[in-house]
C-alpha atoms as a PDB file:
ATOM      1  CA  MET A   1     -28.998 -29.601  14.704  1.00  0.00           C
ATOM      2  CA  TYR A   2     -25.851 -29.795  16.790  1.00  0.00           C
ATOM      3  CA  HIS A   3     -23.738 -30.986  13.768  1.00  0.00           C
ATOM      4  CA  LEU A   4     -24.845 -27.974  11.727  1.00  0.00           C
ATOM      5  CA  LYS A   5     -24.050 -25.523  14.423  1.00  0.00           C
ATOM      6  CA  LYS A   6     -20.631 -27.044  14.828  1.00  0.00           C
ATOM      7  CA  LYS A   7     -19.971 -26.880  11.092  1.00  0.00           C
ATOM      8  CA  TYR A   8     -21.083 -23.221  11.141  1.00  0.00           C
ATOM      9  CA  LEU A   9     -18.780 -22.320  13.895  1.00  0.00           C
ATOM     10  CA  ILE A  10     -15.815 -24.058  12.127  1.00  0.00           C
ATOM     11  CA  LEU A  11     -16.498 -22.197   9.009  1.00  0.00           C
ATOM     12  CA  LYS A  12     -16.874 -18.862  10.782  1.00  0.00           C
ATOM     13  CA  ILE A  13     -13.430 -19.460  12.580  1.00  0.00           C
ATOM     14  CA  LYS A  14     -11.848 -20.275   9.101  1.00  0.00           C
ATOM     15  CA  LYS A  15     -13.406 -17.161   7.554  1.00  0.00           C
ATOM     16  CA  ASN A  16     -12.161 -14.921  10.438  1.00  0.00           C
ATOM     17  CA  LYS A  17      -8.631 -16.489  10.181  1.00  0.00           C
ATOM     18  CA  ALA A  18      -8.712 -15.902   6.399  1.00  0.00           C
ATOM     19  CA  ILE A  19      -9.715 -12.323   6.807  1.00  0.00           C
ATOM     20  CA  ASN A  20      -7.085 -11.760   9.462  1.00  0.00           C
ATOM     21  CA  ASP A  21      -4.400 -13.325   7.402  1.00  0.00           C
ATOM     22  CA  PHE A  22      -5.294 -11.146   4.380  1.00  0.00           C
ATOM     23  CA  SER A  23      -5.277  -8.047   6.552  1.00  0.00           C
ATOM     24  CA  ASN A  24      -1.772  -8.902   7.916  1.00  0.00           C
ATOM     25  CA  TYR A  25      -0.629  -9.645   4.328  1.00  0.00           C
ATOM     26  CA  LYS A  26      -1.891  -6.314   3.063  1.00  0.00           C
ATOM     27  CA  ILE A  27      -0.261  -4.382   5.935  1.00  0.00           C
ATOM     28  CA  GLU A  28       3.014  -6.051   5.209  1.00  0.00           C
ATOM     29  CA  ALA A  29       2.772  -5.268   1.529  1.00  0.00           C
ATOM     30  CA  GLU A  30       1.926  -1.714   2.238  1.00  0.00           C
ATOM     31  CA  THR A  31       4.877  -1.418   4.704  1.00  0.00           C
ATOM     32  CA  LEU A  32       7.256  -2.866   2.202  1.00  0.00           C
ATOM     33  CA  LEU A  33       6.098  -0.670  -0.589  1.00  0.00           C
ATOM     34  CA  PHE A  34       6.316   2.605   1.508  1.00  0.00           C
ATOM     35  CA  LYS A  35       9.908   1.393   2.505  1.00  0.00           C
ATOM     36  CA  ALA A  36      10.856   1.157  -1.062  1.00  0.00           C
ATOM     37  CA  LEU A  37       9.023   4.402  -2.062  1.00  0.00           C
ATOM     38  CA  THR A  38      10.355   6.726   0.647  1.00  0.00           C
ATOM     39  CA  PRO A  39      14.080   7.054  -0.716  1.00  0.00           C
ATOM     40  CA  ILE A  40      12.656   7.502  -4.245  1.00  0.00           C
ATOM     41  CA  LEU A  41      10.467  10.293  -2.984  1.00  0.00           C
ATOM     42  CA  ALA A  42      13.309  11.932  -1.030  1.00  0.00           C
ATOM     43  CA  GLU A  43      15.583  11.839  -4.020  1.00  0.00           C
ATOM     44  CA  TYR A  44      12.949  13.279  -6.366  1.00  0.00           C
ATOM     45  CA  VAL A  45      12.178  16.036  -3.940  1.00  0.00           C
ATOM     46  CA  GLU A  46      15.798  16.951  -3.545  1.00  0.00           C
ATOM     47  CA  LYS A  47      16.629  16.797  -7.315  1.00  0.00           C
ATOM     48  CA  ASN A  48      13.610  18.950  -8.208  1.00  0.00           C
ATOM     49  CA  SER A  49      13.891  21.433  -5.348  1.00  0.00           C
ATOM     50  CA  ILE A  50      10.448  20.664  -4.044  1.00  0.00           C
ATOM     51  CA  ALA A  51       9.802  22.148  -0.639  1.00  0.00           C
ATOM     52  CA  VAL A  52       6.567  20.073   0.252  1.00  0.00           C
ATOM     53  CA  LEU A  53       5.191  16.942  -1.179  1.00  0.00           C
ATOM     54  CA  LEU A  54       1.559  16.174  -0.165  1.00  0.00           C
ATOM     55  CA  ASP A  55      -0.562  13.105  -0.443  1.00  0.00           C
ATOM     56  CA  ARG A  56      -3.431  13.615  -2.906  1.00  0.00           C
ATOM     57  CA  LYS A  57      -5.981  12.712  -0.344  1.00  0.00           C
ATOM     58  CA  ASN A  58      -4.975  15.675   1.905  1.00  0.00           C
ATOM     59  CA  ILE A  59      -5.500  18.215  -0.940  1.00  0.00           C
ATOM     60  CA  ILE A  60      -8.885  19.893  -1.577  1.00  0.00           C
ATOM     61  CA  ILE A  61      -8.016  21.425  -4.964  1.00  0.00           C
ATOM     62  CA  ALA A  62      -4.786  21.883  -7.045  1.00  0.00           C
ATOM     63  CA  LYS A  63      -3.750  22.129 -10.652  1.00  0.00           C
ATOM     64  CA  SER A  64      -3.533  18.718 -12.152  1.00  0.00           C
ATOM     65  CA  GLU A  65      -0.034  19.473 -13.587  1.00  0.00           C
ATOM     66  CA  LEU A  66       1.193  19.368  -9.976  1.00  0.00           C
ATOM     67  CA  ASP A  67       0.264  15.686  -9.639  1.00  0.00           C
ATOM     68  CA  LEU A  68       3.431  13.735  -9.655  1.00  0.00           C
ATOM     69  CA  THR A  69       1.856  10.321  -9.218  1.00  0.00           C
ATOM     70  CA  ASN A  70       2.487   8.995 -12.698  1.00  0.00           C
ATOM     71  CA  ILE A  71       6.118  10.246 -12.666  1.00  0.00           C
ATOM     72  CA  ILE A  72       6.916   8.734  -9.334  1.00  0.00           C
ATOM     73  CA  LEU A  73       5.212   5.394 -10.442  1.00  0.00           C
ATOM     74  CA  LYS A  74       7.469   5.272 -13.446  1.00  0.00           C
ATOM     75  CA  ILE A  75      10.544   5.742 -11.285  1.00  0.00           C
ATOM     76  CA  LEU A  76       9.381   3.212  -8.859  1.00  0.00           C
ATOM     77  CA  ASP A  77       8.794   0.794 -11.715  1.00  0.00           C
ATOM     78  CA  THR A  78      12.258   1.217 -13.016  1.00  0.00           C
ATOM     79  CA  LYS A  79      14.099   0.979  -9.599  1.00  0.00           C
ATOM     80  CA  VAL A  80      12.019  -1.669  -7.788  1.00  0.00           C
ATOM     81  CA  LYS A  81      11.554  -4.864  -9.754  1.00  0.00           C
ATOM     82  CA  ASP A  82       9.811  -6.794  -7.115  1.00  0.00           C
ATOM     83  CA  ILE A  83       8.769  -6.719  -3.419  1.00  0.00           C
ATOM     84  CA  LYS A  84       9.088 -10.052  -1.522  1.00  0.00           C
ATOM     85  CA  ILE A  85       6.295 -10.691   0.913  1.00  0.00           C
ATOM     86  CA  LYS A  86       6.423 -13.602   3.219  1.00  0.00           C
END
């Protein structure tokens, strides 16, 4: 019985480490993406005389033609070829 309990604890530790590693990887990836995206958004807002740019999740209702997601993604795709994550 002791042997199974020891194996279980080792697997649990490995699982928790994998979850933690992935979480850290995701945080780093998001940080690098937003770092690349911020100047693109700033430039787009300035060129198009936009006073406020809101995140979609903070909007209750709006006209679909006001959604700039696809436009910004195309610009991001052309300006950022890859993001290096450790």
